């Protein structure tokens, strides 16, 4: 299974819109994604918005050099390109 498919499957399991997951459940979602991605042989890291950034608090996962959250199933190269941060700027 590809990582984007895994994200979409997790979003469906949550039963919420991706933006709603990112609005209060992002930490749980990132943890669930990292755990599930390990079963596929991928190792990743858990990230939280840096304190020195003037951006909303958000948690996401980085796997194989790409940053993923509920709204970015294809992943982005730069975490600042995650939709939650694009909406803020």
PDB file of N, CA and C in Angstrom:
ATOM      1  N   UNK A   1       0.848  -1.190   0.000  1.00  0.00           N
ATOM      2  CA  UNK A   1       0.000   0.000   0.000  1.00  0.00           C
ATOM      3  C   UNK A   1       0.886   1.244   0.000  1.00  0.00           C
ATOM      4  N   UNK A   2       0.489   2.198  -0.801  1.00  0.00           N
ATOM      5  CA  UNK A   2       1.219   3.470  -0.856  1.00  0.00           C
ATOM      6  C   UNK A   2       0.813   4.353   0.329  1.00  0.00           C
ATOM      7  N   UNK A   3       1.704   5.245   0.732  1.00  0.00           N
ATOM      8  CA  UNK A   3       1.420   6.136   1.861  1.00  0.00           C
ATOM      9  C   UNK A   3       0.175   7.001   1.632  1.00  0.00           C
ATOM     10  N   UNK A   4      -0.032   7.566   0.423  1.00  0.00           N
ATOM     11  CA  UNK A   4      -1.262   8.340   0.212  1.00  0.00           C
ATOM     12  C   UNK A   4      -2.535   7.507   0.433  1.00  0.00           C
ATOM     13  N   UNK A   5      -2.484   6.242   0.015  1.00  0.00           N
ATOM     14  CA  UNK A   5      -3.635   5.363   0.235  1.00  0.00           C
ATOM     15  C   UNK A   5      -3.850   5.107   1.722  1.00  0.00           C
ATOM     16  N   UNK A   6      -2.766   4.973   2.455  1.00  0.00           N
ATOM     17  CA  UNK A   6      -2.860   4.778   3.899  1.00  0.00           C
ATOM     18  C   UNK A   6      -3.498   5.995   4.565  1.00  0.00           C
ATOM     19  N   UNK A   7      -3.077   7.188   4.171  1.00  0.00           N
ATOM     20  CA  UNK A   7      -3.669   8.420   4.718  1.00  0.00           C
ATOM     21  C   UNK A   7      -5.165   8.443   4.429  1.00  0.00           C
ATOM     22  N   UNK A   8      -5.544   8.172   3.203  1.00  0.00           N
ATOM     23  CA  UNK A   8      -6.969   8.201   2.834  1.00  0.00           C
ATOM     24  C   UNK A   8      -7.764   7.169   3.626  1.00  0.00           C
ATOM     25  N   UNK A   9      -7.194   6.016   3.847  1.00  0.00           N
ATOM     26  CA  UNK A   9      -7.869   4.972   4.620  1.00  0.00           C
ATOM     27  C   UNK A   9      -8.049   5.418   6.074  1.00  0.00           C
ATOM     28  N   UNK A  10      -7.017   6.037   6.644  1.00  0.00           N
ATOM     29  CA  UNK A  10      -7.123   6.539   8.020  1.00  0.00           C
ATOM     30  C   UNK A  10      -8.160   7.657   8.132  1.00  0.00           C
ATOM     31  N   UNK A  11      -8.172   8.556   7.164  1.00  0.00           N
ATOM     32  CA  UNK A  11      -9.171   9.636   7.169  1.00  0.00           C
ATOM     33  C   UNK A  11     -10.574   9.026   7.170  1.00  0.00           C
ATOM     34  N   UNK A  12     -10.795   8.035   6.339  1.00  0.00           N
ATOM     35  CA  UNK A  12     -12.103   7.381   6.281  1.00  0.00           C
ATOM     36  C   UNK A  12     -12.445   6.723   7.618  1.00  0.00           C
ATOM     37  N   UNK A  13     -11.455   6.123   8.261  1.00  0.00           N
ATOM     38  CA  UNK A  13     -11.685   5.465   9.546  1.00  0.00           C
ATOM     39  C   UNK A  13     -12.049   6.472  10.636  1.00  0.00           C
ATOM     40  N   UNK A  14     -11.501   7.673  10.549  1.00  0.00           N
ATOM     41  CA  UNK A  14     -11.827   8.707  11.527  1.00  0.00           C
ATOM     42  C   UNK A  14     -13.264   9.207  11.346  1.00  0.00           C
ATOM     43  N   UNK A  15     -13.787   9.093  10.136  1.00  0.00           N
ATOM     44  CA  UNK A  15     -15.155   9.532   9.883  1.00  0.00           C
ATOM     45  C   UNK A  15     -15.342  11.040   9.948  1.00  0.00           C
ATOM     46  N   UNK A  16     -14.261  11.775   9.735  1.00  0.00           N
ATOM     47  CA  UNK A  16     -14.286  13.242   9.759  1.00  0.00           C
ATOM     48  C   UNK A  16     -13.688  13.773   8.465  1.00  0.00           C
ATOM     49  N   UNK A  17     -13.978  15.015   8.173  1.00  0.00           N
ATOM     50  CA  UNK A  17     -13.319  15.671   7.053  1.00  0.00           C
ATOM     51  C   UNK A  17     -11.854  15.903   7.430  1.00  0.00           C
ATOM     52  N   UNK A  18     -10.941  15.857   6.456  1.00  0.00           N
ATOM     53  CA  UNK A  18      -9.531  16.071   6.770  1.00  0.00           C
ATOM     54  C   UNK A  18      -9.254  17.366   7.539  1.00  0.00           C
ATOM     55  N   UNK A  19      -9.933  18.453   7.185  1.00  0.00           N
ATOM     56  CA  UNK A  19      -9.703  19.718   7.901  1.00  0.00           C
ATOM     57  C   UNK A  19     -10.164  19.619   9.351  1.00  0.00           C
ATOM     58  N   UNK A  20     -11.191  18.810   9.618  1.00  0.00           N
ATOM     59  CA  UNK A  20     -11.647  18.621  10.994  1.00  0.00           C
ATOM     60  C   UNK A  20     -10.657  17.778  11.796  1.00  0.00           C
ATOM     61  N   UNK A  21     -10.038  16.809  11.146  1.00  0.00           N
ATOM     62  CA  UNK A  21      -8.994  16.021  11.814  1.00  0.00           C
ATOM     63  C   UNK A  21      -7.841  16.942  12.191  1.00  0.00           C
ATOM     64  N   UNK A  22      -7.473  17.829  11.280  1.00  0.00           N
ATOM     65  CA  UNK A  22      -6.367  18.751  11.543  1.00  0.00           C
ATOM     66  C   UNK A  22      -6.738  19.834  12.541  1.00  0.00           C
ATOM     67  N   UNK A  23      -7.970  19.903  12.921  1.00  0.00           N
ATOM     68  CA  UNK A  23      -8.447  20.925  13.849  1.00  0.00           C
ATOM     69  C   UNK A  23      -8.797  20.292  15.192  1.00  0.00           C
ATOM     70  N   UNK A  24      -7.807  19.650  15.819  1.00  0.00           N
ATOM     71  CA  UNK A  24      -8.023  19.088  17.137  1.00  0.00           C
ATOM     72  C   UNK A  24      -7.620  17.636  17.299  1.00  0.00           C
ATOM     73  N   UNK A  25      -7.482  16.914  16.206  1.00  0.00           N
ATOM     74  CA  UNK A  25      -7.088  15.506  16.287  1.00  0.00           C
ATOM     75  C   UNK A  25      -5.795  15.216  15.539  1.00  0.00           C
ATOM     76  N   UNK A  26      -5.061  16.253  15.175  1.00  0.00           N
ATOM     77  CA  UNK A  26      -3.875  16.055  14.348  1.00  0.00           C
ATOM     78  C   UNK A  26      -2.806  15.224  15.047  1.00  0.00           C
ATOM     79  N   UNK A  27      -2.681  15.370  16.369  1.00  0.00           N
ATOM     80  CA  UNK A  27      -1.661  14.594  17.070  1.00  0.00           C
ATOM     81  C   UNK A  27      -1.988  13.107  17.052  1.00  0.00           C
ATOM     82  N   UNK A  28      -3.250  12.767  17.282  1.00  0.00           N
ATOM     83  CA  UNK A  28      -3.654  11.356  17.232  1.00  0.00           C
ATOM     84  C   UNK A  28      -3.488  10.800  15.816  1.00  0.00           C
ATOM     85  N   UNK A  29      -3.881  11.601  14.834  1.00  0.00           N
ATOM     86  CA  UNK A  29      -3.796  11.161  13.442  1.00  0.00           C
ATOM     87  C   UNK A  29      -2.350  10.909  13.037  1.00  0.00           C
ATOM     88  N   UNK A  30      -1.457  11.828  13.399  1.00  0.00           N
ATOM     89  CA  UNK A  30      -0.040  11.659  13.050  1.00  0.00           C
ATOM     90  C   UNK A  30       0.526  10.395  13.702  1.00  0.00           C
ATOM     91  N   UNK A  31       0.163  10.156  14.956  1.00  0.00           N
ATOM     92  CA  UNK A  31       0.631   8.946  15.640  1.00  0.00           C
ATOM     93  C   UNK A  31       0.086   7.693  14.965  1.00  0.00           C
ATOM     94  N   UNK A  32      -1.195   7.703  14.630  1.00  0.00           N
ATOM     95  CA  UNK A  32      -1.797   6.554  13.952  1.00  0.00           C
ATOM     96  C   UNK A  32      -1.137   6.303  12.604  1.00  0.00           C
ATOM     97  N   UNK A  33      -0.871   7.374  11.871  1.00  0.00           N
ATOM     98  CA  UNK A  33      -0.217   7.241  10.571  1.00  0.00           C
ATOM     99  C   UNK A  33       1.191   6.672  10.716  1.00  0.00           C
ATOM    100  N   UNK A  34       1.949   7.181  11.674  1.00  0.00           N
ATOM    101  CA  UNK A  34       3.307   6.675  11.869  1.00  0.00           C
ATOM    102  C   UNK A  34       3.293   5.198  12.249  1.00  0.00           C
ATOM    103  N   UNK A  35       2.384   4.811  13.137  1.00  0.00           N
ATOM    104  CA  UNK A  35       2.289   3.405  13.533  1.00  0.00           C
ATOM    105  C   UNK A  35       1.942   2.531  12.327  1.00  0.00           C
ATOM    106  N   UNK A  36       0.937   2.950  11.569  1.00  0.00           N
ATOM    107  CA  UNK A  36       0.508   2.168  10.403  1.00  0.00           C
ATOM    108  C   UNK A  36       1.600   2.121   9.333  1.00  0.00           C
ATOM    109  N   UNK A  37       2.319   3.219   9.149  1.00  0.00           N
ATOM    110  CA  UNK A  37       3.364   3.233   8.123  1.00  0.00           C
ATOM    111  C   UNK A  37       4.518   2.316   8.500  1.00  0.00           C
ATOM    112  N   UNK A  38       4.758   2.132   9.805  1.00  0.00           N
ATOM    113  CA  UNK A  38       5.805   1.198  10.243  1.00  0.00           C
ATOM    114  C   UNK A  38       5.472  -0.222   9.811  1.00  0.00           C
ATOM    115  N   UNK A  39       4.190  -0.572   9.840  1.00  0.00           N
ATOM    116  CA  UNK A  39       3.801  -1.927   9.436  1.00  0.00           C
ATOM    117  C   UNK A  39       4.064  -2.149   7.944  1.00  0.00           C
ATOM    118  N   UNK A  40       4.215  -1.054   7.197  1.00  0.00           N
ATOM    119  CA  UNK A  40       4.540  -1.156   5.772  1.00  0.00           C
ATOM    120  C   UNK A  40       6.046  -1.035   5.530  1.00  0.00           C
ATOM    121  N   UNK A  41       6.811  -0.964   6.614  1.00  0.00           N
ATOM    122  CA  UNK A  41       8.263  -0.888   6.487  1.00  0.00           C
ATOM    123  C   UNK A  41       8.820   0.515   6.391  1.00  0.00           C
ATOM    124  N   UNK A  42       8.009   1.513   6.685  1.00  0.00           N
ATOM    125  CA  UNK A  42       8.459   2.909   6.620  1.00  0.00           C
ATOM    126  C   UNK A  42       8.705   3.447   8.025  1.00  0.00           C
ATOM    127  N   UNK A  43       9.809   4.120   8.193  1.00  0.00           N
ATOM    128  CA  UNK A  43      10.089   4.775   9.466  1.00  0.00           C
ATOM    129  C   UNK A  43       9.886   6.264   9.282  1.00  0.00           C
ATOM    130  N   UNK A  44       9.285   6.891  10.267  1.00  0.00           N
ATOM    131  CA  UNK A  44       9.025   8.317  10.161  1.00  0.00           C
ATOM    132  C   UNK A  44       9.222   9.017  11.483  1.00  0.00           C
ATOM    133  N   UNK A  45       8.963  10.305  11.459  1.00  0.00           N
ATOM    134  CA  UNK A  45       9.117  11.139  12.641  1.00  0.00           C
ATOM    135  C   UNK A  45       7.851  11.944  12.875  1.00  0.00           C
ATOM    136  N   UNK A  46       7.617  12.284  14.130  1.00  0.00           N
ATOM    137  CA  UNK A  46       6.495  13.094  14.565  1.00  0.00           C
ATOM    138  C   UNK A  46       6.977  14.542  14.677  1.00  0.00           C
ATOM    139  N   UNK A  47       6.245  15.474  14.094  1.00  0.00           N
ATOM    140  CA  UNK A  47       6.624  16.883  14.143  1.00  0.00           C
ATOM    141  C   UNK A  47       5.501  17.728  14.734  1.00  0.00           C
ATOM    142  N   UNK A  48       5.901  18.816  15.369  1.00  0.00           N
ATOM    143  CA  UNK A  48       4.972  19.818  15.907  1.00  0.00           C
ATOM    144  C   UNK A  48       5.473  21.171  15.427  1.00  0.00           C
ATOM    145  N   UNK A  49       4.543  22.076  15.150  1.00  0.00           N
ATOM    146  CA  UNK A  49       4.926  23.418  14.705  1.00  0.00           C
ATOM    147  C   UNK A  49       5.993  23.993  15.639  1.00  0.00           C
ATOM    148  N   UNK A  50       7.101  24.456  15.090  1.00  0.00           N
ATOM    149  CA  UNK A  50       8.138  25.058  15.936  1.00  0.00           C
ATOM    150  C   UNK A  50       7.605  26.282  16.686  1.00  0.00           C
ATOM    151  N   UNK A  51       8.085  26.453  17.918  1.00  0.00           N
ATOM    152  CA  UNK A  51       7.638  27.575  18.750  1.00  0.00           C
ATOM    153  C   UNK A  51       7.969  28.928  18.150  1.00  0.00           C
ATOM    154  N   UNK A  52       9.025  28.996  17.366  1.00  0.00           N
ATOM    155  CA  UNK A  52       9.445  30.287  16.825  1.00  0.00           C
ATOM    156  C   UNK A  52       8.692  30.685  15.554  1.00  0.00           C
ATOM    157  N   UNK A  53       7.755  29.866  15.125  1.00  0.00           N
ATOM    158  CA  UNK A  53       6.958  30.181  13.939  1.00  0.00           C
ATOM    159  C   UNK A  53       5.627  30.799  14.358  1.00  0.00           C
ATOM    160  N   UNK A  54       5.187  31.803  13.630  1.00  0.00           N
ATOM    161  CA  UNK A  54       3.893  32.440  13.897  1.00  0.00           C
ATOM    162  C   UNK A  54       2.811  31.712  13.099  1.00  0.00           C
ATOM    163  N   UNK A  55       2.608  30.456  13.459  1.00  0.00           N
ATOM    164  CA  UNK A  55       1.663  29.593  12.752  1.00  0.00           C
ATOM    165  C   UNK A  55       0.822  28.834  13.775  1.00  0.00           C
ATOM    166  N   UNK A  56      -0.299  28.282  13.343  1.00  0.00           N
ATOM    167  CA  UNK A  56      -1.109  27.502  14.281  1.00  0.00           C
ATOM    168  C   UNK A  56      -0.352  26.261  14.756  1.00  0.00           C
ATOM    169  N   UNK A  57      -0.655  25.833  15.979  1.00  0.00           N
ATOM    170  CA  UNK A  57      -0.049  24.603  16.480  1.00  0.00           C
ATOM    171  C   UNK A  57      -0.607  23.444  15.658  1.00  0.00           C
ATOM    172  N   UNK A  58       0.288  22.585  15.205  1.00  0.00           N
ATOM    173  CA  UNK A  58      -0.122  21.460  14.372  1.00  0.00           C
ATOM    174  C   UNK A  58       0.885  20.333  14.527  1.00  0.00           C
ATOM    175  N   UNK A  59       0.387  19.101  14.442  1.00  0.00           N
ATOM    176  CA  UNK A  59       1.228  17.913  14.479  1.00  0.00           C
ATOM    177  C   UNK A  59       1.087  17.186  13.153  1.00  0.00           C
ATOM    178  N   UNK A  60       2.188  16.636  12.675  1.00  0.00           N
ATOM    179  CA  UNK A  60       2.166  15.892  11.421  1.00  0.00           C
ATOM    180  C   UNK A  60       3.321  14.899  11.428  1.00  0.00           C
ATOM    181  N   UNK A  61       3.384  14.093  10.385  1.00  0.00           N
ATOM    182  CA  UNK A  61       4.420  13.074  10.274  1.00  0.00           C
ATOM    183  C   UNK A  61       5.275  13.316   9.041  1.00  0.00           C
ATOM    184  N   UNK A  62       6.528  12.958   9.164  1.00  0.00           N
ATOM    185  CA  UNK A  62       7.440  13.012   8.021  1.00  0.00           C
ATOM    186  C   UNK A  62       7.951  11.593   7.789  1.00  0.00           C
ATOM    187  N   UNK A  63       7.728  11.097   6.579  1.00  0.00           N
ATOM    188  CA  UNK A  63       8.153   9.754   6.193  1.00  0.00           C
ATOM    189  C   UNK A  63       8.823   9.854   4.827  1.00  0.00           C
ATOM    190  N   UNK A  64       9.984   9.286   4.722  1.00  0.00           N
ATOM    191  CA  UNK A  64      10.731   9.268   3.453  1.00  0.00           C
ATOM    192  C   UNK A  64      10.910  10.661   2.863  1.00  0.00           C
ATOM    193  N   UNK A  65      11.165  11.631   3.726  1.00  0.00           N
ATOM    194  CA  UNK A  65      11.441  12.988   3.271  1.00  0.00           C
ATOM    195  C   UNK A  65      10.237  13.825   2.911  1.00  0.00           C
ATOM    196  N   UNK A  66       9.023  13.279   3.082  1.00  0.00           N
ATOM    197  CA  UNK A  66       7.809  14.047   2.797  1.00  0.00           C
ATOM    198  C   UNK A  66       6.993  14.208   4.070  1.00  0.00           C
ATOM    199  N   UNK A  67       6.293  15.337   4.146  1.00  0.00           N
ATOM    200  CA  UNK A  67       5.476  15.678   5.307  1.00  0.00           C
ATOM    201  C   UNK A  67       4.014  15.386   4.980  1.00  0.00           C
ATOM    202  N   UNK A  68       3.357  14.637   5.884  1.00  0.00           N
ATOM    203  CA  UNK A  68       1.987  14.185   5.674  1.00  0.00           C
ATOM    204  C   UNK A  68       1.086  14.593   6.830  1.00  0.00           C
ATOM    205  N   UNK A  69      -0.150  14.934   6.495  1.00  0.00           N
ATOM    206  CA  UNK A  69      -1.209  15.054   7.491  1.00  0.00           C
ATOM    207  C   UNK A  69      -2.519  14.678   6.800  1.00  0.00           C
ATOM    208  N   UNK A  70      -3.624  14.848   7.484  1.00  0.00           N
ATOM    209  CA  UNK A  70      -4.915  14.419   6.940  1.00  0.00           C
ATOM    210  C   UNK A  70      -5.279  15.141   5.649  1.00  0.00           C
ATOM    211  N   UNK A  71      -4.822  16.375   5.497  1.00  0.00           N
ATOM    212  CA  UNK A  71      -5.142  17.152   4.295  1.00  0.00           C
ATOM    213  C   UNK A  71      -4.094  17.031   3.195  1.00  0.00           C
ATOM    214  N   UNK A  72      -3.013  16.351   3.469  1.00  0.00           N
ATOM    215  CA  UNK A  72      -1.936  16.222   2.484  1.00  0.00           C
ATOM    216  C   UNK A  72      -1.569  14.748   2.294  1.00  0.00           C
ATOM    217  N   UNK A  73      -2.478  13.971   1.706  1.00  0.00           N
ATOM    218  CA  UNK A  73      -2.202  12.541   1.542  1.00  0.00           C
ATOM    219  C   UNK A  73      -1.038  12.232   0.600  1.00  0.00           C
ATOM    220  N   UNK A  74      -0.739  13.125  -0.320  1.00  0.00           N
ATOM    221  CA  UNK A  74       0.383  12.907  -1.233  1.00  0.00           C
ATOM    222  C   UNK A  74       1.703  13.352  -0.618  1.00  0.00           C
ATOM    223  N   UNK A  75       1.635  14.067   0.485  1.00  0.00           N
ATOM    224  CA  UNK A  75       2.829  14.575   1.138  1.00  0.00           C
ATOM    225  C   UNK A  75       3.373  15.805   0.431  1.00  0.00           C
ATOM    226  N   UNK A  76       4.123  16.603   1.172  1.00  0.00           N
ATOM    227  CA  UNK A  76       4.772  17.800   0.628  1.00  0.00           C
ATOM    228  C   UNK A  76       6.238  17.780   1.045  1.00  0.00           C
ATOM    229  N   UNK A  77       7.073  18.402   0.243  1.00  0.00           N
ATOM    230  CA  UNK A  77       8.513  18.426   0.523  1.00  0.00           C
ATOM    231  C   UNK A  77       8.840  19.318   1.726  1.00  0.00           C
ATOM    232  N   UNK A  78       8.195  20.458   1.812  1.00  0.00           N
ATOM    233  CA  UNK A  78       8.447  21.435   2.877  1.00  0.00           C
ATOM    234  C   UNK A  78       7.220  21.485   3.780  1.00  0.00           C
ATOM    235  N   UNK A  79       7.401  21.318   5.080  1.00  0.00           N
ATOM    236  CA  UNK A  79       6.265  21.289   5.994  1.00  0.00           C
ATOM    237  C   UNK A  79       5.433  22.570   5.931  1.00  0.00           C
ATOM    238  N   UNK A  80       6.040  23.681   5.549  1.00  0.00           N
ATOM    239  CA  UNK A  80       5.291  24.944   5.445  1.00  0.00           C
ATOM    240  C   UNK A  80       4.263  24.911   4.314  1.00  0.00           C
ATOM    241  N   UNK A  81       4.365  23.900   3.442  1.00  0.00           N
ATOM    242  CA  UNK A  81       3.409  23.746   2.340  1.00  0.00           C
ATOM    243  C   UNK A  81       2.197  22.876   2.715  1.00  0.00           C
ATOM    244  N   UNK A  82       2.144  22.423   3.960  1.00  0.00           N
ATOM    245  CA  UNK A  82       0.952  21.703   4.396  1.00  0.00           C
ATOM    246  C   UNK A  82      -0.238  22.660   4.330  1.00  0.00           C
ATOM    247  N   UNK A  83      -1.408  22.169   3.904  1.00  0.00           N
ATOM    248  CA  UNK A  83      -2.575  23.043   3.734  1.00  0.00           C
ATOM    249  C   UNK A  83      -2.937  23.898   4.947  1.00  0.00           C
ATOM    250  N   UNK A  84      -2.776  23.363   6.152  1.00  0.00           N
ATOM    251  CA  UNK A  84      -3.140  24.132   7.341  1.00  0.00           C
ATOM    252  C   UNK A  84      -2.299  25.407   7.443  1.00  0.00           C
ATOM    253  N   UNK A  85      -1.048  25.353   7.011  1.00  0.00           N
ATOM    254  CA  UNK A  85      -0.188  26.533   7.064  1.00  0.00           C
ATOM    255  C   UNK A  85      -0.433  27.444   5.874  1.00  0.00           C
ATOM    256  N   UNK A  86      -0.756  26.879   4.729  1.00  0.00           N
ATOM    257  CA  UNK A  86      -1.073  27.686   3.538  1.00  0.00           C
ATOM    258  C   UNK A  86      -2.328  28.524   3.806  1.00  0.00           C
ATOM    259  N   UNK A  87      -3.314  27.940   4.484  1.00  0.00           N
ATOM    260  CA  UNK A  87      -4.551  28.676   4.797  1.00  0.00           C
ATOM    261  C   UNK A  87      -4.257  29.829   5.757  1.00  0.00           C
ATOM    262  N   UNK A  88      -3.285  29.646   6.618  1.00  0.00           N
ATOM    263  CA  UNK A  88      -2.973  30.656   7.634  1.00  0.00           C
ATOM    264  C   UNK A  88      -2.252  31.864   7.045  1.00  0.00           C
ATOM    265  N   UNK A  89      -1.447  31.637   5.999  1.00  0.00           N
ATOM    266  CA  UNK A  89      -0.647  32.747   5.459  1.00  0.00           C
ATOM    267  C   UNK A  89      -1.398  33.595   4.461  1.00  0.00           C
TER     268      UNK A  89
END
